[in-house]
Amino acid sequence: METKENGSVDTKSSVENGQLSDPAHWAVADVVNYFKATGFEEQATAFQDQEIDGKSLLLMTRNDVLTGLSIKLGPALKIYEYHVKPLQTQHLKSNVS
């Protein structure tokens, strides 16, 4: 994983062994780039506006995503179910001893 001068993690090198690096280490720009790369270009700005970094992303609840980001319900549901929840699960599994 490579850290840029601005402190963000280079998303191109954030894939380790075919999996994403631990989101807990992502800067706001990494979160934004992740959602842009997964097809949520328009909604990614909401994460920037709310200054959601990786640690914040891992703490988000369904309600936070659906109401706190001020994005349309359809994309918000997909973002939570297909991205936020799996990232949280992956983080928890990788940090269990």
N, C-alpha and C. Protein backbone atom coordinates (compact mmCIF):
# COMPACT_ATOMS: atom_id res chain seq x y z
N MET A 1 0.85 -1.17 0.00
CA MET A 1 0.00 0.00 0.00
C MET A 1 0.89 1.24 0.00
N GLU A 2 0.56 2.20 -0.83
CA GLU A 2 1.38 3.39 -0.97
C GLU A 2 0.62 4.62 -0.48
N THR A 3 1.29 5.42 0.36
CA THR A 3 0.66 6.62 0.88
C THR A 3 1.15 7.81 0.08
N LYS A 4 0.21 8.65 -0.37
CA LYS A 4 0.55 9.84 -1.13
C LYS A 4 0.93 10.97 -0.19
N GLU A 5 1.43 12.06 -0.78
CA GLU A 5 1.85 13.21 0.01
C GLU A 5 0.70 13.79 0.84
N ASN A 6 -0.53 13.73 0.32
CA ASN A 6 -1.67 14.30 1.04
C ASN A 6 -2.21 13.36 2.12
N GLY A 7 -1.55 12.22 2.30
CA GLY A 7 -1.95 11.29 3.35
C GLY A 7 -2.94 10.24 2.91
N SER A 8 -3.46 10.36 1.68
CA SER A 8 -4.41 9.35 1.22
C SER A 8 -3.66 8.14 0.70
N VAL A 9 -4.34 7.03 0.68
CA VAL A 9 -3.76 5.78 0.22
C VAL A 9 -4.03 5.65 -1.27
N ASP A 10 -3.02 5.27 -2.03
CA ASP A 10 -3.18 5.08 -3.46
C ASP A 10 -4.12 3.90 -3.68
N THR A 11 -5.31 4.18 -4.23
CA THR A 11 -6.31 3.13 -4.38
C THR A 11 -5.88 2.05 -5.36
N LYS A 12 -4.98 2.37 -6.28
CA LYS A 12 -4.51 1.36 -7.22
C LYS A 12 -3.68 0.30 -6.49
N SER A 13 -2.99 0.71 -5.44
CA SER A 13 -2.18 -0.25 -4.71
C SER A 13 -2.84 -0.65 -3.39
N SER A 14 -4.12 -0.31 -3.22
CA SER A 14 -4.81 -0.66 -1.98
C SER A 14 -5.41 -2.07 -2.05
N VAL A 15 -5.14 -2.77 -3.13
CA VAL A 15 -5.59 -4.15 -3.27
C VAL A 15 -4.43 -5.05 -2.89
N GLU A 16 -4.67 -5.85 -1.87
CA GLU A 16 -3.64 -6.77 -1.40
C GLU A 16 -4.19 -8.19 -1.47
N ASN A 17 -3.47 -9.07 -2.14
CA ASN A 17 -3.91 -10.47 -2.30
C ASN A 17 -5.32 -10.57 -2.85
N GLY A 18 -5.65 -9.69 -3.79
CA GLY A 18 -6.96 -9.73 -4.42
C GLY A 18 -8.06 -9.11 -3.59
N GLN A 19 -7.72 -8.55 -2.43
CA GLN A 19 -8.72 -7.91 -1.58
C GLN A 19 -8.31 -6.47 -1.33
N LEU A 20 -9.30 -5.64 -1.01
CA LEU A 20 -9.02 -4.25 -0.68
C LEU A 20 -8.25 -4.18 0.63
N SER A 21 -7.44 -3.14 0.76
CA SER A 21 -6.75 -2.93 2.03
C SER A 21 -7.79 -2.59 3.09
N ASP A 22 -7.39 -2.60 4.32
CA ASP A 22 -8.30 -2.33 5.44
C ASP A 22 -8.85 -0.91 5.32
N PRO A 23 -10.16 -0.76 5.18
CA PRO A 23 -10.76 0.57 5.05
C PRO A 23 -10.47 1.49 6.25
N ALA A 24 -10.10 0.94 7.38
CA ALA A 24 -9.79 1.77 8.55
C ALA A 24 -8.63 2.71 8.27
N HIS A 25 -7.83 2.39 7.26
CA HIS A 25 -6.67 3.21 6.92
C HIS A 25 -6.95 4.19 5.77
N TRP A 26 -8.17 4.20 5.25
CA TRP A 26 -8.50 5.07 4.12
C TRP A 26 -8.71 6.51 4.56
N ALA A 27 -8.23 7.44 3.74
CA ALA A 27 -8.51 8.86 3.92
C ALA A 27 -9.85 9.16 3.22
N VAL A 28 -10.37 10.35 3.39
CA VAL A 28 -11.63 10.75 2.75
C VAL A 28 -11.53 10.53 1.24
N ALA A 29 -10.41 10.93 0.64
CA ALA A 29 -10.23 10.78 -0.81
C ALA A 29 -10.30 9.31 -1.25
N ASP A 30 -9.84 8.41 -0.42
CA ASP A 30 -9.89 6.98 -0.74
C ASP A 30 -11.33 6.47 -0.73
N VAL A 31 -12.11 6.94 0.23
CA VAL A 31 -13.52 6.56 0.30
C VAL A 31 -14.24 7.07 -0.94
N VAL A 32 -14.00 8.32 -1.28
CA VAL A 32 -14.62 8.93 -2.46
C VAL A 32 -14.22 8.15 -3.72
N ASN A 33 -12.93 7.85 -3.86
CA ASN A 33 -12.46 7.11 -5.04
C ASN A 33 -13.04 5.71 -5.10
N TYR A 34 -13.21 5.07 -3.94
CA TYR A 34 -13.80 3.74 -3.91
C TYR A 34 -15.22 3.78 -4.48
N PHE A 35 -16.03 4.74 -4.01
CA PHE A 35 -17.41 4.80 -4.49
C PHE A 35 -17.50 5.25 -5.94
N LYS A 36 -16.59 6.09 -6.38
CA LYS A 36 -16.55 6.46 -7.80
C LYS A 36 -16.23 5.23 -8.64
N ALA A 37 -15.27 4.44 -8.18
CA ALA A 37 -14.84 3.24 -8.92
C ALA A 37 -15.91 2.16 -8.95
N THR A 38 -16.82 2.18 -7.98
CA THR A 38 -17.86 1.15 -7.94
C THR A 38 -19.17 1.62 -8.59
N GLY A 39 -19.10 2.76 -9.30
CA GLY A 39 -20.25 3.21 -10.07
C GLY A 39 -21.14 4.23 -9.40
N PHE A 40 -20.70 4.77 -8.28
CA PHE A 40 -21.50 5.76 -7.56
C PHE A 40 -20.83 7.13 -7.61
N GLU A 41 -20.48 7.55 -8.82
CA GLU A 41 -19.77 8.81 -9.03
C GLU A 41 -20.53 9.99 -8.42
N GLU A 42 -21.81 10.07 -8.70
CA GLU A 42 -22.63 11.19 -8.20
C GLU A 42 -22.74 11.17 -6.67
N GLN A 43 -22.92 9.99 -6.10
CA GLN A 43 -23.10 9.87 -4.65
C GLN A 43 -21.78 10.01 -3.89
N ALA A 44 -20.66 9.78 -4.55
CA ALA A 44 -19.36 9.86 -3.88
C ALA A 44 -19.10 11.23 -3.28
N THR A 45 -19.64 12.26 -3.91
CA THR A 45 -19.44 13.61 -3.38
C THR A 45 -20.05 13.79 -2.00
N ALA A 46 -21.09 13.02 -1.70
CA ALA A 46 -21.72 13.11 -0.37
C ALA A 46 -20.74 12.67 0.71
N PHE A 47 -19.91 11.68 0.41
CA PHE A 47 -18.91 11.22 1.38
C PHE A 47 -17.84 12.30 1.57
N GLN A 48 -17.51 12.99 0.49
CA GLN A 48 -16.55 14.09 0.57
C GLN A 48 -17.14 15.23 1.41
N ASP A 49 -18.38 15.61 1.10
CA ASP A 49 -19.04 16.71 1.81
C ASP A 49 -19.15 16.45 3.30
N GLN A 50 -19.39 15.20 3.67
CA GLN A 50 -19.55 14.84 5.08
C GLN A 50 -18.22 14.42 5.73
N GLU A 51 -17.13 14.48 4.96
CA GLU A 51 -15.79 14.14 5.45
C GLU A 51 -15.72 12.73 6.05
N ILE A 52 -16.27 11.77 5.28
CA ILE A 52 -16.28 10.37 5.71
C ILE A 52 -14.97 9.72 5.30
N ASP A 53 -14.14 9.40 6.28
CA ASP A 53 -12.92 8.64 5.99
C ASP A 53 -13.21 7.17 6.27
N GLY A 54 -12.19 6.34 6.17
CA GLY A 54 -12.40 4.90 6.35
C GLY A 54 -12.93 4.53 7.71
N LYS A 55 -12.38 5.13 8.76
CA LYS A 55 -12.86 4.82 10.11
C LYS A 55 -14.32 5.22 10.28
N SER A 56 -14.68 6.38 9.74
CA SER A 56 -16.09 6.82 9.81
C SER A 56 -16.98 5.87 9.01
N LEU A 57 -16.50 5.45 7.85
CA LEU A 57 -17.27 4.53 7.00
C LEU A 57 -17.58 3.24 7.75
N LEU A 58 -16.60 2.74 8.49
CA LEU A 58 -16.78 1.49 9.23
C LEU A 58 -17.75 1.64 10.40
N LEU A 59 -17.98 2.86 10.84
CA LEU A 59 -18.90 3.11 11.95
C LEU A 59 -20.33 3.42 11.49
N MET A 60 -20.52 3.60 10.19
CA MET A 60 -21.82 4.03 9.69
C MET A 60 -22.88 2.94 9.85
N THR A 61 -24.07 3.38 10.22
CA THR A 61 -25.23 2.50 10.31
C THR A 61 -26.05 2.64 9.03
N ARG A 62 -27.00 1.76 8.87
CA ARG A 62 -27.90 1.84 7.71
C ARG A 62 -28.59 3.20 7.70
N ASN A 63 -29.04 3.64 8.85
CA ASN A 63 -29.73 4.93 8.94
C ASN A 63 -28.82 6.09 8.55
N ASP A 64 -27.56 6.02 8.94
CA ASP A 64 -26.61 7.07 8.56
C ASP A 64 -26.52 7.20 7.04
N VAL A 65 -26.42 6.06 6.37
CA VAL A 65 -26.29 6.08 4.91
C VAL A 65 -27.59 6.55 4.27
N LEU A 66 -28.72 6.08 4.77
CA LEU A 66 -30.00 6.42 4.15
C LEU A 66 -30.43 7.86 4.39
N THR A 67 -30.08 8.41 5.54
CA THR A 67 -30.57 9.77 5.84
C THR A 67 -29.46 10.80 6.04
N GLY A 68 -28.31 10.38 6.52
CA GLY A 68 -27.26 11.33 6.86
C GLY A 68 -26.47 11.87 5.68
N LEU A 69 -26.52 11.19 4.55
CA LEU A 69 -25.73 11.61 3.40
C LEU A 69 -26.54 12.42 2.39
N SER A 70 -27.83 12.51 2.59
CA SER A 70 -28.72 13.26 1.68
C SER A 70 -28.60 12.79 0.23
N ILE A 71 -28.61 11.47 0.05
CA ILE A 71 -28.62 10.92 -1.29
C ILE A 71 -29.92 10.16 -1.50
N LYS A 72 -30.27 9.92 -2.74
CA LYS A 72 -31.53 9.26 -3.06
C LYS A 72 -31.56 7.86 -2.46
N LEU A 73 -32.77 7.42 -2.11
CA LEU A 73 -32.97 6.16 -1.41
C LEU A 73 -32.42 4.95 -2.16
N GLY A 74 -32.67 4.85 -3.44
CA GLY A 74 -32.22 3.69 -4.22
C GLY A 74 -30.71 3.49 -4.14
N PRO A 75 -29.94 4.51 -4.54
CA PRO A 75 -28.49 4.37 -4.44
C PRO A 75 -28.01 4.17 -3.00
N ALA A 76 -28.67 4.83 -2.05
CA ALA A 76 -28.26 4.71 -0.64
C ALA A 76 -28.41 3.27 -0.16
N LEU A 77 -29.50 2.62 -0.52
CA LEU A 77 -29.71 1.22 -0.13
C LEU A 77 -28.62 0.32 -0.72
N LYS A 78 -28.31 0.54 -2.00
CA LYS A 78 -27.27 -0.27 -2.66
C LYS A 78 -25.91 -0.02 -2.04
N ILE A 79 -25.60 1.24 -1.76
CA ILE A 79 -24.32 1.58 -1.15
C ILE A 79 -24.18 0.89 0.20
N TYR A 80 -25.23 0.92 1.00
CA TYR A 80 -25.13 0.28 2.32
C TYR A 80 -25.04 -1.24 2.20
N GLU A 81 -25.98 -1.84 1.49
CA GLU A 81 -26.06 -3.31 1.44
C GLU A 81 -24.90 -3.96 0.70
N TYR A 82 -24.46 -3.35 -0.40
CA TYR A 82 -23.46 -3.99 -1.24
C TYR A 82 -22.04 -3.47 -1.03
N HIS A 83 -21.89 -2.41 -0.25
CA HIS A 83 -20.55 -1.85 -0.06
C HIS A 83 -20.21 -1.60 1.39
N VAL A 84 -20.98 -0.79 2.09
CA VAL A 84 -20.64 -0.45 3.47
C VAL A 84 -20.68 -1.69 4.36
N LYS A 85 -21.77 -2.42 4.32
CA LYS A 85 -21.91 -3.62 5.17
C LYS A 85 -20.82 -4.65 4.89
N PRO A 86 -20.56 -4.99 3.62
CA PRO A 86 -19.48 -5.94 3.36
C PRO A 86 -18.10 -5.44 3.79
N LEU A 87 -17.84 -4.15 3.64
CA LEU A 87 -16.56 -3.60 4.10
C LEU A 87 -16.44 -3.71 5.61
N GLN A 88 -17.54 -3.48 6.32
CA GLN A 88 -17.53 -3.61 7.78
C GLN A 88 -17.28 -5.06 8.17
N THR A 89 -17.94 -5.98 7.50
CA THR A 89 -17.77 -7.41 7.79
C THR A 89 -16.34 -7.85 7.51
N GLN A 90 -15.79 -7.41 6.37
CA GLN A 90 -14.41 -7.75 6.01
C GLN A 90 -13.44 -7.22 7.07
N HIS A 91 -13.67 -6.01 7.53
CA HIS A 91 -12.81 -5.40 8.55
C HIS A 91 -12.87 -6.20 9.85
N LEU A 92 -14.07 -6.57 10.26
CA LEU A 92 -14.22 -7.32 11.49
C LEU A 92 -13.54 -8.69 11.40
N LYS A 93 -13.72 -9.37 10.28
CA LYS A 93 -13.12 -10.70 10.10
C LYS A 93 -11.60 -10.62 10.09
N SER A 94 -11.06 -9.57 9.48
CA SER A 94 -9.60 -9.47 9.38
C SER A 94 -8.96 -9.03 10.69
N ASN A 95 -9.77 -8.52 11.64
CA ASN A 95 -9.22 -8.08 12.92
C ASN A 95 -9.55 -9.00 14.08
N VAL A 96 -10.12 -10.17 13.77
CA VAL A 96 -10.40 -11.16 14.82
C VAL A 96 -9.16 -12.02 14.97
N SER A 97 -8.73 -12.15 16.20
CA SER A 97 -7.51 -12.94 16.44
C SER A 97 -7.80 -14.40 16.48
